[in-house]
Amino acid sequence: GEGSAVSEKRLLVLARLDHAEAMRVAAGLTISGHAVRIVFMTGPVAETEENAANAELLELAEVEAMTTVAAMADDLPLLDAAALALAIAGADIVLSL
């Protein structure tokens, strides 16, 4: 069908400034069949209803979530600088939001 010419890309979303928007974008990108990972950066994700709903979206969309924020390490795999660099190097497209 249409879109079969689009090869699956590995997308990495860096959630730096707007966690909520980054989560929405990451979930949306999976619709095209891409493998999407998100890295939460800068600080812990605010505990809002919107973020809770977006986190659910990520799970449903099977987006792999990681973080560089030590305070979030209980919930998500914690990346150090080297691991983050590897994740970025391994992605076809990197989006920073």
PDB file of N, CA and C in Angstrom:
ATOM      1  N   GLY A   1       0.819  -1.206   0.000  1.00  0.00           N
ATOM      2  CA  GLY A   1       0.000   0.000   0.000  1.00  0.00           C
ATOM      3  C   GLY A   1       0.844   1.242   0.000  1.00  0.00           C
ATOM      4  N   GLU A   2       0.211   2.351   0.189  1.00  0.00           N
ATOM      5  CA  GLU A   2       0.932   3.611   0.212  1.00  0.00           C
ATOM      6  C   GLU A   2       1.798   3.671   1.462  1.00  0.00           C
ATOM      7  N   GLY A   3       2.970   4.261   1.334  1.00  0.00           N
ATOM      8  CA  GLY A   3       3.834   4.379   2.500  1.00  0.00           C
ATOM      9  C   GLY A   3       4.754   3.197   2.660  1.00  0.00           C
ATOM     10  N   SER A   4       4.579   2.154   1.835  1.00  0.00           N
ATOM     11  CA  SER A   4       5.443   0.984   1.982  1.00  0.00           C
ATOM     12  C   SER A   4       6.875   1.314   1.547  1.00  0.00           C
ATOM     13  N   ALA A   5       7.026   2.394   0.795  1.00  0.00           N
ATOM     14  CA  ALA A   5       8.357   2.806   0.361  1.00  0.00           C
ATOM     15  C   ALA A   5       9.105   3.508   1.493  1.00  0.00           C
ATOM     16  N   VAL A   6       8.367   3.909   2.504  1.00  0.00           N
ATOM     17  CA  VAL A   6       9.003   4.587   3.630  1.00  0.00           C
ATOM     18  C   VAL A   6       9.621   3.539   4.542  1.00  0.00           C
ATOM     19  N   SER A   7      10.948   3.534   4.613  1.00  0.00           N
ATOM     20  CA  SER A   7      11.585   2.558   5.491  1.00  0.00           C
ATOM     21  C   SER A   7      11.419   3.032   6.931  1.00  0.00           C
ATOM     22  N   GLU A   8      11.351   2.079   7.836  1.00  0.00           N
ATOM     23  CA  GLU A   8      11.184   2.444   9.236  1.00  0.00           C
ATOM     24  C   GLU A   8      12.428   3.175   9.714  1.00  0.00           C
ATOM     25  N   LYS A   9      12.222   4.310  10.311  1.00  0.00           N
ATOM     26  CA  LYS A   9      13.332   5.086  10.840  1.00  0.00           C
ATOM     27  C   LYS A   9      13.373   4.990  12.359  1.00  0.00           C
ATOM     28  N   ARG A  10      14.557   5.150  12.886  1.00  0.00           N
ATOM     29  CA  ARG A  10      14.711   5.188  14.341  1.00  0.00           C
ATOM     30  C   ARG A  10      14.739   6.653  14.745  1.00  0.00           C
ATOM     31  N   LEU A  11      13.695   7.064  15.454  1.00  0.00           N
ATOM     32  CA  LEU A  11      13.560   8.454  15.847  1.00  0.00           C
ATOM     33  C   LEU A  11      13.822   8.599  17.345  1.00  0.00           C
ATOM     34  N   LEU A  12      14.531   9.658  17.692  1.00  0.00           N
ATOM     35  CA  LEU A  12      14.809   9.946  19.094  1.00  0.00           C
ATOM     36  C   LEU A  12      14.282  11.334  19.399  1.00  0.00           C
ATOM     37  N   VAL A  13      13.400  11.413  20.388  1.00  0.00           N
ATOM     38  CA  VAL A  13      12.856  12.703  20.802  1.00  0.00           C
ATOM     39  C   VAL A  13      13.527  13.093  22.121  1.00  0.00           C
ATOM     40  N   LEU A  14      14.207  14.241  22.115  1.00  0.00           N
ATOM     41  CA  LEU A  14      14.807  14.759  23.340  1.00  0.00           C
ATOM     42  C   LEU A  14      13.820  15.734  23.975  1.00  0.00           C
ATOM     43  N   ALA A  15      13.259  15.334  25.108  1.00  0.00           N
ATOM     44  CA  ALA A  15      12.266  16.164  25.797  1.00  0.00           C
ATOM     45  C   ALA A  15      12.999  17.083  26.750  1.00  0.00           C
ATOM     46  N   ARG A  16      13.333  18.285  26.262  1.00  0.00           N
ATOM     47  CA  ARG A  16      14.150  19.208  27.053  1.00  0.00           C
ATOM     48  C   ARG A  16      13.342  20.351  27.632  1.00  0.00           C
ATOM     49  N   LEU A  17      12.572  21.022  26.792  1.00  0.00           N
ATOM     50  CA  LEU A  17      11.892  22.248  27.218  1.00  0.00           C
ATOM     51  C   LEU A  17      10.416  22.032  27.498  1.00  0.00           C
ATOM     52  N   ASP A  18       9.764  21.233  26.664  1.00  0.00           N
ATOM     53  CA  ASP A  18       8.318  21.035  26.773  1.00  0.00           C
ATOM     54  C   ASP A  18       8.022  19.540  26.790  1.00  0.00           C
ATOM     55  N   HIS A  19       8.004  18.980  27.989  1.00  0.00           N
ATOM     56  CA  HIS A  19       7.807  17.537  28.115  1.00  0.00           C
ATOM     57  C   HIS A  19       6.479  17.085  27.517  1.00  0.00           C
ATOM     58  N   ALA A  20       5.425  17.856  27.757  1.00  0.00           N
ATOM     59  CA  ALA A  20       4.095  17.464  27.287  1.00  0.00           C
ATOM     60  C   ALA A  20       4.069  17.399  25.760  1.00  0.00           C
ATOM     61  N   GLU A  21       4.601  18.435  25.132  1.00  0.00           N
ATOM     62  CA  GLU A  21       4.625  18.470  23.667  1.00  0.00           C
ATOM     63  C   GLU A  21       5.505  17.353  23.125  1.00  0.00           C
ATOM     64  N   ALA A  22       6.634  17.120  23.763  1.00  0.00           N
ATOM     65  CA  ALA A  22       7.550  16.067  23.318  1.00  0.00           C
ATOM     66  C   ALA A  22       6.871  14.699  23.379  1.00  0.00           C
ATOM     67  N   MET A  23       6.082  14.468  24.420  1.00  0.00           N
ATOM     68  CA  MET A  23       5.374  13.184  24.542  1.00  0.00           C
ATOM     69  C   MET A  23       4.336  13.032  23.443  1.00  0.00           C
ATOM     70  N   ARG A  24       3.603  14.117  23.164  1.00  0.00           N
ATOM     71  CA  ARG A  24       2.595  14.061  22.100  1.00  0.00           C
ATOM     72  C   ARG A  24       3.255  13.776  20.755  1.00  0.00           C
ATOM     73  N   VAL A  25       4.356  14.474  20.488  1.00  0.00           N
ATOM     74  CA  VAL A  25       5.064  14.289  19.218  1.00  0.00           C
ATOM     75  C   VAL A  25       5.585  12.854  19.105  1.00  0.00           C
ATOM     76  N   ALA A  26       6.179  12.355  20.172  1.00  0.00           N
ATOM     77  CA  ALA A  26       6.744  11.000  20.148  1.00  0.00           C
ATOM     78  C   ALA A  26       5.673   9.958  19.857  1.00  0.00           C
ATOM     79  N   ALA A  27       4.519  10.094  20.524  1.00  0.00           N
ATOM     80  CA  ALA A  27       3.429   9.141  20.305  1.00  0.00           C
ATOM     81  C   ALA A  27       2.918   9.252  18.870  1.00  0.00           C
ATOM     82  N   GLY A  28       2.811  10.482  18.375  1.00  0.00           N
ATOM     83  CA  GLY A  28       2.313  10.702  17.021  1.00  0.00           C
ATOM     84  C   GLY A  28       3.227  10.107  15.961  1.00  0.00           C
ATOM     85  N   LEU A  29       4.524  10.139  16.208  1.00  0.00           N
ATOM     86  CA  LEU A  29       5.483   9.640  15.219  1.00  0.00           C
ATOM     87  C   LEU A  29       5.368   8.135  15.004  1.00  0.00           C
ATOM     88  N   THR A  30       4.861   7.432  16.009  1.00  0.00           N
ATOM     89  CA  THR A  30       4.760   5.968  15.876  1.00  0.00           C
ATOM     90  C   THR A  30       3.691   5.572  14.866  1.00  0.00           C
ATOM     91  N   ILE A  31       2.773   6.483  14.568  1.00  0.00           N
ATOM     92  CA  ILE A  31       1.681   6.171  13.638  1.00  0.00           C
ATOM     93  C   ILE A  31       2.244   5.794  12.269  1.00  0.00           C
ATOM     94  N   SER A  32       3.381   6.371  11.909  1.00  0.00           N
ATOM     95  CA  SER A  32       4.001   6.075  10.616  1.00  0.00           C
ATOM     96  C   SER A  32       4.818   4.793  10.646  1.00  0.00           C
ATOM     97  N   GLY A  33       4.801   4.100  11.763  1.00  0.00           N
ATOM     98  CA  GLY A  33       5.522   2.840  11.848  1.00  0.00           C
ATOM     99  C   GLY A  33       6.988   2.981  12.220  1.00  0.00           C
ATOM    100  N   HIS A  34       7.365   4.175  12.663  1.00  0.00           N
ATOM    101  CA  HIS A  34       8.754   4.368  13.057  1.00  0.00           C
ATOM    102  C   HIS A  34       8.978   3.857  14.480  1.00  0.00           C
ATOM    103  N   ALA A  35      10.215   3.478  14.767  1.00  0.00           N
ATOM    104  CA  ALA A  35      10.598   3.102  16.127  1.00  0.00           C
ATOM    105  C   ALA A  35      10.987   4.383  16.851  1.00  0.00           C
ATOM    106  N   VAL A  36      10.272   4.702  17.927  1.00  0.00           N
ATOM    107  CA  VAL A  36      10.471   5.983  18.594  1.00  0.00           C
ATOM    108  C   VAL A  36      10.926   5.778  20.032  1.00  0.00           C
ATOM    109  N   ARG A  37      11.946   6.549  20.417  1.00  0.00           N
ATOM    110  CA  ARG A  37      12.400   6.577  21.806  1.00  0.00           C
ATOM    111  C   ARG A  37      12.348   8.026  22.268  1.00  0.00           C
ATOM    112  N   ILE A  38      12.121   8.209  23.561  1.00  0.00           N
ATOM    113  CA  ILE A  38      12.077   9.565  24.117  1.00  0.00           C
ATOM    114  C   ILE A  38      12.999   9.618  25.327  1.00  0.00           C
ATOM    115  N   VAL A  39      13.737  10.706  25.428  1.00  0.00           N
ATOM    116  CA  VAL A  39      14.609  10.912  26.585  1.00  0.00           C
ATOM    117  C   VAL A  39      14.146  12.169  27.312  1.00  0.00           C
ATOM    118  N   PHE A  40      13.733  11.982  28.567  1.00  0.00           N
ATOM    119  CA  PHE A  40      13.323  13.132  29.383  1.00  0.00           C
ATOM    120  C   PHE A  40      14.563  13.767  29.980  1.00  0.00           C
ATOM    121  N   MET A  41      14.707  15.080  29.750  1.00  0.00           N
ATOM    122  CA  MET A  41      15.886  15.805  30.181  1.00  0.00           C
ATOM    123  C   MET A  41      15.481  17.030  30.986  1.00  0.00           C
ATOM    124  N   THR A  42      16.465  17.748  31.481  1.00  0.00           N
ATOM    125  CA  THR A  42      16.322  19.041  32.155  1.00  0.00           C
ATOM    126  C   THR A  42      15.811  18.910  33.589  1.00  0.00           C
ATOM    127  N   GLY A  43      14.685  18.230  33.770  1.00  0.00           N
ATOM    128  CA  GLY A  43      14.133  18.076  35.116  1.00  0.00           C
ATOM    129  C   GLY A  43      13.020  17.063  35.097  1.00  0.00           C
ATOM    130  N   PRO A  44      12.508  16.694  36.271  1.00  0.00           N
ATOM    131  CA  PRO A  44      11.415  15.712  36.332  1.00  0.00           C
ATOM    132  C   PRO A  44      10.195  16.193  35.562  1.00  0.00           C
ATOM    133  N   VAL A  45       9.444  15.258  35.018  1.00  0.00           N
ATOM    134  CA  VAL A  45       8.201  15.596  34.330  1.00  0.00           C
ATOM    135  C   VAL A  45       7.179  16.038  35.371  1.00  0.00           C
ATOM    136  N   ALA A  46       6.556  17.165  35.133  1.00  0.00           N
ATOM    137  CA  ALA A  46       5.556  17.687  36.064  1.00  0.00           C
ATOM    138  C   ALA A  46       4.385  16.719  36.183  1.00  0.00           C
ATOM    139  N   GLU A  47       3.872  16.580  37.381  1.00  0.00           N
ATOM    140  CA  GLU A  47       2.757  15.644  37.590  1.00  0.00           C
ATOM    141  C   GLU A  47       1.441  16.352  37.325  1.00  0.00           C
ATOM    142  N   THR A  48       1.114  16.464  36.039  1.00  0.00           N
ATOM    143  CA  THR A  48      -0.148  17.084  35.646  1.00  0.00           C
ATOM    144  C   THR A  48      -1.019  16.025  34.988  1.00  0.00           C
ATOM    145  N   GLU A  49      -2.323  16.326  34.891  1.00  0.00           N
ATOM    146  CA  GLU A  49      -3.235  15.388  34.226  1.00  0.00           C
ATOM    147  C   GLU A  49      -2.836  15.205  32.777  1.00  0.00           C
ATOM    148  N   GLU A  50      -2.413  16.311  32.143  1.00  0.00           N
ATOM    149  CA  GLU A  50      -2.017  16.250  30.742  1.00  0.00           C
ATOM    150  C   GLU A  50      -0.834  15.295  30.561  1.00  0.00           C
ATOM    151  N   ASN A  51       0.157  15.429  31.438  1.00  0.00           N
ATOM    152  CA  ASN A  51       1.336  14.567  31.324  1.00  0.00           C
ATOM    153  C   ASN A  51       1.000  13.111  31.628  1.00  0.00           C
ATOM    154  N   ALA A  52       0.084  12.897  32.563  1.00  0.00           N
ATOM    155  CA  ALA A  52      -0.336  11.531  32.874  1.00  0.00           C
ATOM    156  C   ALA A  52      -0.996  10.899  31.650  1.00  0.00           C
ATOM    157  N   ALA A  53      -1.849  11.679  30.980  1.00  0.00           N
ATOM    158  CA  ALA A  53      -2.514  11.186  29.772  1.00  0.00           C
ATOM    159  C   ALA A  53      -1.493  10.930  28.669  1.00  0.00           C
ATOM    160  N   ASN A  54      -0.522  11.836  28.526  1.00  0.00           N
ATOM    161  CA  ASN A  54       0.503  11.663  27.503  1.00  0.00           C
ATOM    162  C   ASN A  54       1.391  10.458  27.788  1.00  0.00           C
ATOM    163  N   ALA A  55       1.670  10.215  29.059  1.00  0.00           N
ATOM    164  CA  ALA A  55       2.482   9.060  29.432  1.00  0.00           C
ATOM    165  C   ALA A  55       1.757   7.773  29.044  1.00  0.00           C
ATOM    166  N   GLU A  56       0.433   7.780  29.206  1.00  0.00           N
ATOM    167  CA  GLU A  56      -0.369   6.625  28.803  1.00  0.00           C
ATOM    168  C   GLU A  56      -0.293   6.426  27.288  1.00  0.00           C
ATOM    169  N   LEU A  57      -0.354   7.541  26.557  1.00  0.00           N
ATOM    170  CA  LEU A  57      -0.221   7.495  25.099  1.00  0.00           C
ATOM    171  C   LEU A  57       1.099   6.844  24.703  1.00  0.00           C
ATOM    172  N   LEU A  58       2.162   7.233  25.391  1.00  0.00           N
ATOM    173  CA  LEU A  58       3.489   6.686  25.082  1.00  0.00           C
ATOM    174  C   LEU A  58       3.499   5.179  25.260  1.00  0.00           C
ATOM    175  N   GLU A  59       2.880   4.727  26.356  1.00  0.00           N
ATOM    176  CA  GLU A  59       2.842   3.283  26.613  1.00  0.00           C
ATOM    177  C   GLU A  59       2.061   2.563  25.533  1.00  0.00           C
ATOM    178  N   LEU A  60       0.899   3.105  25.185  1.00  0.00           N
ATOM    179  CA  LEU A  60       0.080   2.487  24.142  1.00  0.00           C
ATOM    180  C   LEU A  60       0.820   2.444  22.813  1.00  0.00           C
ATOM    181  N   ALA A  61       1.590   3.498  22.537  1.00  0.00           N
ATOM    182  CA  ALA A  61       2.301   3.603  21.264  1.00  0.00           C
ATOM    183  C   ALA A  61       3.617   2.824  21.287  1.00  0.00           C
ATOM    184  N   GLU A  62       3.934   2.248  22.460  1.00  0.00           N
ATOM    185  CA  GLU A  62       5.174   1.483  22.631  1.00  0.00           C
ATOM    186  C   GLU A  62       6.414   2.324  22.357  1.00  0.00           C
ATOM    187  N   VAL A  63       6.375   3.554  22.853  1.00  0.00           N
ATOM    188  CA  VAL A  63       7.544   4.425  22.798  1.00  0.00           C
ATOM    189  C   VAL A  63       8.441   4.063  23.979  1.00  0.00           C
ATOM    190  N   GLU A  64       9.712   3.836  23.696  1.00  0.00           N
ATOM    191  CA  GLU A  64      10.665   3.505  24.751  1.00  0.00           C
ATOM    192  C   GLU A  64      11.118   4.802  25.420  1.00  0.00           C
ATOM    193  N   ALA A  65      10.873   4.913  26.719  1.00  0.00           N
ATOM    194  CA  ALA A  65      11.203   6.132  27.448  1.00  0.00           C
ATOM    195  C   ALA A  65      12.435   5.931  28.322  1.00  0.00           C
ATOM    196  N   MET A  66      13.269   6.954  28.328  1.00  0.00           N
ATOM    197  CA  MET A  66      14.486   6.964  29.144  1.00  0.00           C
ATOM    198  C   MET A  66      14.642   8.361  29.725  1.00  0.00           C
ATOM    199  N   THR A  67      15.645   8.544  30.581  1.00  0.00           N
ATOM    200  CA  THR A  67      15.834   9.869  31.164  1.00  0.00           C
ATOM    201  C   THR A  67      17.297  10.132  31.478  1.00  0.00           C
ATOM    202  N   THR A  68      17.648  11.409  31.559  1.00  0.00           N
ATOM    203  CA  THR A  68      18.956  11.811  32.059  1.00  0.00           C
ATOM    204  C   THR A  68      18.801  12.468  33.434  1.00  0.00           C
ATOM    205  N   VAL A  69      17.560  12.468  33.945  1.00  0.00           N
ATOM    206  CA  VAL A  69      17.252  13.135  35.213  1.00  0.00           C
ATOM    207  C   VAL A  69      17.292  12.112  36.346  1.00  0.00           C
ATOM    208  N   ALA A  70      18.244  12.289  37.252  1.00  0.00           N
ATOM    209  CA  ALA A  70      18.433  11.312  38.330  1.00  0.00           C
ATOM    210  C   ALA A  70      17.157  11.091  39.140  1.00  0.00           C
ATOM    211  N   ALA A  71      16.372  12.164  39.306  1.00  0.00           N
ATOM    212  CA  ALA A  71      15.147  12.065  40.108  1.00  0.00           C
ATOM    213  C   ALA A  71      14.103  11.149  39.469  1.00  0.00           C
ATOM    214  N   MET A  72      14.268  10.848  38.179  1.00  0.00           N
ATOM    215  CA  MET A  72      13.304   9.987  37.484  1.00  0.00           C
ATOM    216  C   MET A  72      13.808   8.551  37.337  1.00  0.00           C
ATOM    217  N   ALA A  73      14.967   8.274  37.917  1.00  0.00           N
ATOM    218  CA  ALA A  73      15.613   6.978  37.707  1.00  0.00           C
ATOM    219  C   ALA A  73      14.842   5.807  38.321  1.00  0.00           C
ATOM    220  N   ASP A  74      13.943   6.094  39.255  1.00  0.00           N
ATOM    221  CA  ASP A  74      13.128   5.026  39.829  1.00  0.00           C
ATOM    222  C   ASP A  74      12.141   4.489  38.798  1.00  0.00           C
ATOM    223  N   ASP A  75      11.726   5.351  37.872  1.00  0.00           N
ATOM    224  CA  ASP A  75      10.679   4.993  36.918  1.00  0.00           C
ATOM    225  C   ASP A  75      11.215   4.610  35.547  1.00  0.00           C
ATOM    226  N   LEU A  76      12.375   5.163  35.177  1.00  0.00           N
ATOM    227  CA  LEU A  76      12.880   4.982  33.814  1.00  0.00           C
ATOM    228  C   LEU A  76      14.371   4.671  33.833  1.00  0.00           C
ATOM    229  N   PRO A  77      14.856   4.005  32.783  1.00  0.00           N
ATOM    230  CA  PRO A  77      16.301   3.784  32.674  1.00  0.00           C
ATOM    231  C   PRO A  77      17.027   5.127  32.641  1.00  0.00           C
ATOM    232  N   LEU A  78      18.089   5.231  33.429  1.00  0.00           N
ATOM    233  CA  LEU A  78      18.853   6.479  33.530  1.00  0.00           C
ATOM    234  C   LEU A  78      20.054   6.426  32.589  1.00  0.00           C
ATOM    235  N   LEU A  79      20.141   7.435  31.727  1.00  0.00           N
ATOM    236  CA  LEU A  79      21.254   7.508  30.788  1.00  0.00           C
ATOM    237  C   LEU A  79      22.314   8.471  31.304  1.00  0.00           C
ATOM    238  N   ASP A  80      23.577   8.047  31.260  1.00  0.00           N
ATOM    239  CA  ASP A  80      24.649   9.004  31.514  1.00  0.00           C
ATOM    240  C   ASP A  80      25.015   9.652  30.181  1.00  0.00           C
ATOM    241  N   ALA A  81      25.992  10.538  30.196  1.00  0.00           N
ATOM    242  CA  ALA A  81      26.333  11.280  28.985  1.00  0.00           C
ATOM    243  C   ALA A  81      26.730  10.348  27.840  1.00  0.00           C
ATOM    244  N   ALA A  82      27.474   9.296  28.161  1.00  0.00           N
ATOM    245  CA  ALA A  82      27.922   8.367  27.119  1.00  0.00           C
ATOM    246  C   ALA A  82      26.750   7.608  26.522  1.00  0.00           C
ATOM    247  N   ALA A  83      25.819   7.166  27.371  1.00  0.00           N
ATOM    248  CA  ALA A  83      24.651   6.422  26.896  1.00  0.00           C
ATOM    249  C   ALA A  83      23.750   7.318  26.059  1.00  0.00           C
ATOM    250  N   LEU A  84      23.640   8.585  26.455  1.00  0.00           N
ATOM    251  CA  LEU A  84      22.841   9.535  25.685  1.00  0.00           C
ATOM    252  C   LEU A  84      23.476   9.747  24.312  1.00  0.00           C
ATOM    253  N   ALA A  85      24.793   9.893  24.287  1.00  0.00           N
ATOM    254  CA  ALA A  85      25.494  10.077  23.010  1.00  0.00           C
ATOM    255  C   ALA A  85      25.279   8.879  22.098  1.00  0.00           C
ATOM    256  N   LEU A  86      25.306   7.678  22.665  1.00  0.00           N
ATOM    257  CA  LEU A  86      25.058   6.452  21.891  1.00  0.00           C
ATOM    258  C   LEU A  86      23.645   6.441  21.333  1.00  0.00           C
ATOM    259  N   ALA A  87      22.684   6.838  22.144  1.00  0.00           N
ATOM    260  CA  ALA A  87      21.285   6.858  21.703  1.00  0.00           C
ATOM    261  C   ALA A  87      21.119   7.837  20.544  1.00  0.00           C
ATOM    262  N   ILE A  88      21.764   8.993  20.670  1.00  0.00           N
ATOM    263  CA  ILE A  88      21.672  10.000  19.610  1.00  0.00           C
ATOM    264  C   ILE A  88      22.352   9.490  18.340  1.00  0.00           C
ATOM    265  N   ALA A  89      23.506   8.873  18.504  1.00  0.00           N
ATOM    266  CA  ALA A  89      24.243   8.354  17.348  1.00  0.00           C
ATOM    267  C   ALA A  89      23.480   7.240  16.645  1.00  0.00           C
ATOM    268  N   GLY A  90      22.686   6.486  17.403  1.00  0.00           N
ATOM    269  CA  GLY A  90      21.961   5.350  16.848  1.00  0.00           C
ATOM    270  C   GLY A  90      20.647   5.721  16.188  1.00  0.00           C
ATOM    271  N   ALA A  91      20.259   7.000  16.296  1.00  0.00           N
ATOM    272  CA  ALA A  91      18.975   7.439  15.741  1.00  0.00           C
ATOM    273  C   ALA A  91      19.171   7.974  14.327  1.00  0.00           C
ATOM    274  N   ASP A  92      18.167   7.750  13.465  1.00  0.00           N
ATOM    275  CA  ASP A  92      18.188   8.332  12.123  1.00  0.00           C
ATOM    276  C   ASP A  92      17.809   9.805  12.167  1.00  0.00           C
ATOM    277  N   ILE A  93      16.873  10.125  13.061  1.00  0.00           N
ATOM    278  CA  ILE A  93      16.391  11.494  13.197  1.00  0.00           C
ATOM    279  C   ILE A  93      16.304  11.829  14.675  1.00  0.00           C
ATOM    280  N   VAL A  94      16.826  12.995  15.051  1.00  0.00           N
ATOM    281  CA  VAL A  94      16.746  13.452  16.441  1.00  0.00           C
ATOM    282  C   VAL A  94      15.932  14.742  16.479  1.00  0.00           C
ATOM    283  N   LEU A  95      14.908  14.764  17.320  1.00  0.00           N
ATOM    284  CA  LEU A  95      14.079  15.952  17.500  1.00  0.00           C
ATOM    285  C   LEU A  95      14.288  16.462  18.916  1.00  0.00           C
ATOM    286  N   SER A  96      14.461  17.757  19.058  1.00  0.00           N
ATOM    287  CA  SER A  96      14.631  18.343  20.378  1.00  0.00           C
ATOM    288  C   SER A  96      13.491  19.302  20.638  1.00  0.00           C
ATOM    289  N   LEU A  97      12.756  19.072  21.708  1.00  0.00           N
ATOM    290  CA  LEU A  97      11.575  19.887  22.004  1.00  0.00           C
ATOM    291  C   LEU A  97      11.627  20.429  23.431  1.00  0.00           C
TER     292      LEU A  97
END
